[in-house]
Amino acid sequence: MVIAPPAKPPRIINFLKPYVLKMHFTNKFVSAQVIHFPTATVASSASSQEKALRPSMDSTCDVAAAAKIGKILGERLLLKGIPAVAIHLKREQKYHGKVKAVIDSVREVGVKLL
C-alpha cells in the first residue's frame, strides 16, 4: 500500500499582501511605486522626475521631496481604490530619513500599511 504525500497548503502570501510598496533613491531623484505582486504589474507610481512635480519642489532628492512623493503616491492609490499596501525594504534600507518620509506620508493620506 502506497501512502500519498500530504497535500501542500496553497501559497496565500501573494493574496494576503498583493500590493507592495517599493522605493528607489538616487543622488538626484526619489521614486516610489506600488506593484501588484501576483500579476507583477505596476499599480501606481510617483517620482520626482515627473515634469509636473519639478517646479513645485526646491530639491528633487531631499527628505521633503520624499515626503511629497509619498503624499502624491498615497493620493493616487486612493483614487485607484487600493486601501492597503505592504512595504518592501531593500537590505540596506532602514526606517529612517527618506524611507521614513515616504512611508509616513503614505500613511498620513489614509493608506493602511500591512
C-alpha atoms as a PDB file:
ATOM      1  CA  MET A   1       0.000   0.000   0.000  1.00  0.00           C
ATOM      2  CA  VAL A   2       1.394   3.387  -1.051  1.00  0.00           C
ATOM      3  CA  ILE A   3       0.715   6.416   1.095  1.00  0.00           C
ATOM      4  CA  ALA A   4       0.335   9.653  -0.809  1.00  0.00           C
ATOM      5  CA  PRO A   5       2.361  12.611   0.437  1.00  0.00           C
ATOM      6  CA  PRO A   6       0.389  15.213   2.362  1.00  0.00           C
ATOM      7  CA  ALA A   7      -1.159  17.967   0.303  1.00  0.00           C
ATOM      8  CA  LYS A   8       0.785  21.215   0.500  1.00  0.00           C
ATOM      9  CA  PRO A   9      -1.193  24.230   1.631  1.00  0.00           C
ATOM     10  CA  PRO A  10      -1.705  26.826  -1.104  1.00  0.00           C
ATOM     11  CA  ARG A  11       0.617  29.790  -1.042  1.00  0.00           C
ATOM     12  CA  ILE A  12      -1.655  32.551   0.120  1.00  0.00           C
ATOM     13  CA  ILE A  13       1.061  35.077   0.901  1.00  0.00           C
ATOM     14  CA  ASN A  14       0.651  36.627  -2.548  1.00  0.00           C
ATOM     15  CA  PHE A  15      -3.038  37.155  -1.927  1.00  0.00           C
ATOM     16  CA  LEU A  16      -2.781  38.441   1.626  1.00  0.00           C
ATOM     17  CA  LYS A  17      -0.390  41.201   0.590  1.00  0.00           C
ATOM     18  CA  PRO A  18      -0.992  41.721  -3.114  1.00  0.00           C
ATOM     19  CA  TYR A  19       0.241  45.323  -3.288  1.00  0.00           C
ATOM     20  CA  VAL A  20       3.859  46.035  -2.375  1.00  0.00           C
ATOM     21  CA  LEU A  21       5.448  49.492  -1.996  1.00  0.00           C
ATOM     22  CA  LYS A  22       8.987  49.709  -3.344  1.00  0.00           C
ATOM     23  CA  MET A  23      11.173  52.798  -3.150  1.00  0.00           C
ATOM     24  CA  HIS A  24      14.274  53.807  -5.063  1.00  0.00           C
ATOM     25  CA  PHE A  25      16.588  56.667  -4.156  1.00  0.00           C
ATOM     26  CA  THR A  26      19.420  58.122  -6.216  1.00  0.00           C
ATOM     27  CA  ASN A  27      21.612  61.138  -5.644  1.00  0.00           C
ATOM     28  CA  LYS A  28      19.285  63.195  -7.876  1.00  0.00           C
ATOM     29  CA  PHE A  29      15.790  61.700  -7.636  1.00  0.00           C
ATOM     30  CA  VAL A  30      13.284  59.877  -5.447  1.00  0.00           C
ATOM     31  CA  SER A  31      10.826  57.371  -6.870  1.00  0.00           C
ATOM     32  CA  ALA A  32       8.267  55.027  -5.358  1.00  0.00           C
ATOM     33  CA  GLN A  33       5.939  52.520  -6.950  1.00  0.00           C
ATOM     34  CA  VAL A  34       3.304  50.076  -5.835  1.00  0.00           C
ATOM     35  CA  ILE A  35       3.444  46.704  -7.554  1.00  0.00           C
ATOM     36  CA  HIS A  36       0.592  44.217  -7.778  1.00  0.00           C
ATOM     37  CA  PHE A  37       2.589  41.160  -6.776  1.00  0.00           C
ATOM     38  CA  PRO A  38       0.510  38.291  -8.279  1.00  0.00           C
ATOM     39  CA  THR A  39       0.459  39.852 -11.761  1.00  0.00           C
ATOM     40  CA  ALA A  40       3.815  41.705 -11.485  1.00  0.00           C
ATOM     41  CA  THR A  41       2.370  44.942 -12.831  1.00  0.00           C
ATOM     42  CA  VAL A  42       2.826  48.474 -11.546  1.00  0.00           C
ATOM     43  CA  ALA A  43      -0.402  49.646  -9.932  1.00  0.00           C
ATOM     44  CA  SER A  44       0.738  53.211  -9.267  1.00  0.00           C
ATOM     45  CA  SER A  45       3.941  55.213  -9.151  1.00  0.00           C
ATOM     46  CA  ALA A  46       5.302  58.653  -8.338  1.00  0.00           C
ATOM     47  CA  SER A  47       8.715  60.146  -8.978  1.00  0.00           C
ATOM     48  CA  SER A  48      10.488  63.437  -8.557  1.00  0.00           C
ATOM     49  CA  GLN A  49      11.443  63.148 -12.237  1.00  0.00           C
ATOM     50  CA  GLU A  50       7.896  63.967 -13.347  1.00  0.00           C
ATOM     51  CA  LYS A  51       7.772  67.295 -15.142  1.00  0.00           C
ATOM     52  CA  ALA A  52       4.573  68.354 -13.389  1.00  0.00           C
ATOM     53  CA  LEU A  53       6.169  67.951  -9.944  1.00  0.00           C
ATOM     54  CA  ARG A  54       9.581  69.521 -10.524  1.00  0.00           C
ATOM     55  CA  PRO A  55       8.542  73.207 -10.378  1.00  0.00           C
ATOM     56  CA  SER A  56       6.835  72.720  -7.012  1.00  0.00           C
ATOM     57  CA  MET A  57       9.940  71.210  -5.367  1.00  0.00           C
ATOM     58  CA  ASP A  58      13.043  73.047  -4.186  1.00  0.00           C
ATOM     59  CA  SER A  59      15.169  69.915  -4.420  1.00  0.00           C
ATOM     60  CA  THR A  60      14.338  66.577  -6.047  1.00  0.00           C
ATOM     61  CA  CYS A  61      16.418  64.396  -3.742  1.00  0.00           C
ATOM     62  CA  ASP A  62      15.953  65.510  -0.120  1.00  0.00           C
ATOM     63  CA  VAL A  63      13.616  64.365   2.658  1.00  0.00           C
ATOM     64  CA  ALA A  64      10.983  66.978   1.779  1.00  0.00           C
ATOM     65  CA  ALA A  65      10.862  65.667  -1.797  1.00  0.00           C
ATOM     66  CA  ALA A  66      10.495  62.113  -0.471  1.00  0.00           C
ATOM     67  CA  ALA A  67       7.575  63.206   1.716  1.00  0.00           C
ATOM     68  CA  LYS A  68       5.887  64.920  -1.230  1.00  0.00           C
ATOM     69  CA  ILE A  69       6.347  61.805  -3.416  1.00  0.00           C
ATOM     70  CA  GLY A  70       4.785  59.662  -0.675  1.00  0.00           C
ATOM     71  CA  LYS A  71       1.806  62.006  -0.380  1.00  0.00           C
ATOM     72  CA  ILE A  72       1.208  62.019  -4.138  1.00  0.00           C
ATOM     73  CA  LEU A  73       1.572  58.234  -4.322  1.00  0.00           C
ATOM     74  CA  GLY A  74      -0.927  57.792  -1.476  1.00  0.00           C
ATOM     75  CA  GLU A  75      -3.468  60.027  -3.206  1.00  0.00           C
ATOM     76  CA  ARG A  76      -3.045  58.085  -6.461  1.00  0.00           C
ATOM     77  CA  LEU A  77      -3.539  54.803  -4.605  1.00  0.00           C
ATOM     78  CA  LEU A  78      -6.775  56.004  -3.028  1.00  0.00           C
ATOM     79  CA  LEU A  79      -8.042  57.187  -6.426  1.00  0.00           C
ATOM     80  CA  LYS A  80      -7.410  53.696  -7.828  1.00  0.00           C
ATOM     81  CA  GLY A  81      -9.170  52.069  -4.877  1.00  0.00           C
ATOM     82  CA  ILE A  82      -6.142  50.463  -3.219  1.00  0.00           C
ATOM     83  CA  PRO A  83      -6.689  50.771   0.546  1.00  0.00           C
ATOM     84  CA  ALA A  84      -3.598  48.951   1.871  1.00  0.00           C
ATOM     85  CA  VAL A  85      -0.047  48.134   0.818  1.00  0.00           C
ATOM     86  CA  ALA A  86       2.842  46.132   2.210  1.00  0.00           C
ATOM     87  CA  ILE A  87       6.317  47.620   2.368  1.00  0.00           C
ATOM     88  CA  HIS A  88       9.370  46.030   0.780  1.00  0.00           C
ATOM     89  CA  LEU A  89      12.647  47.438   2.045  1.00  0.00           C
ATOM     90  CA  LYS A  90      15.924  46.523   0.447  1.00  0.00           C
ATOM     91  CA  ARG A  91      18.628  45.146   2.676  1.00  0.00           C
ATOM     92  CA  GLU A  92      20.420  48.483   3.022  1.00  0.00           C
ATOM     93  CA  GLN A  93      17.216  50.485   3.590  1.00  0.00           C
ATOM     94  CA  LYS A  94      16.241  51.267   7.160  1.00  0.00           C
ATOM     95  CA  TYR A  95      13.187  53.073   8.510  1.00  0.00           C
ATOM     96  CA  HIS A  96      14.999  56.384   8.676  1.00  0.00           C
ATOM     97  CA  GLY A  97      15.348  59.574   6.633  1.00  0.00           C
ATOM     98  CA  LYS A  98      13.862  59.464   3.134  1.00  0.00           C
ATOM     99  CA  VAL A  99      12.376  55.987   3.632  1.00  0.00           C
ATOM    100  CA  LYS A 100      10.568  57.166   6.760  1.00  0.00           C
ATOM    101  CA  ALA A 101       9.354  60.296   4.971  1.00  0.00           C
ATOM    102  CA  VAL A 102       7.788  58.293   2.123  1.00  0.00           C
ATOM    103  CA  ILE A 103       6.171  55.720   4.425  1.00  0.00           C
ATOM    104  CA  ASP A 104       4.808  58.282   6.893  1.00  0.00           C
ATOM    105  CA  SER A 105       3.331  60.486   4.186  1.00  0.00           C
ATOM    106  CA  VAL A 106       1.624  57.498   2.527  1.00  0.00           C
ATOM    107  CA  ARG A 107       0.205  56.584   5.934  1.00  0.00           C
ATOM    108  CA  GLU A 108      -0.973  60.167   6.598  1.00  0.00           C
ATOM    109  CA  VAL A 109      -3.010  60.233   3.386  1.00  0.00           C
ATOM    110  CA  GLY A 110      -5.039  57.269   4.600  1.00  0.00           C
ATOM    111  CA  VAL A 111      -3.462  54.188   3.036  1.00  0.00           C
ATOM    112  CA  LYS A 112      -3.042  51.376   5.549  1.00  0.00           C
ATOM    113  CA  LEU A 113       0.322  49.655   5.799  1.00  0.00           C
ATOM    114  CA  LEU A 114       0.474  45.892   6.261  1.00  0.00           C
END
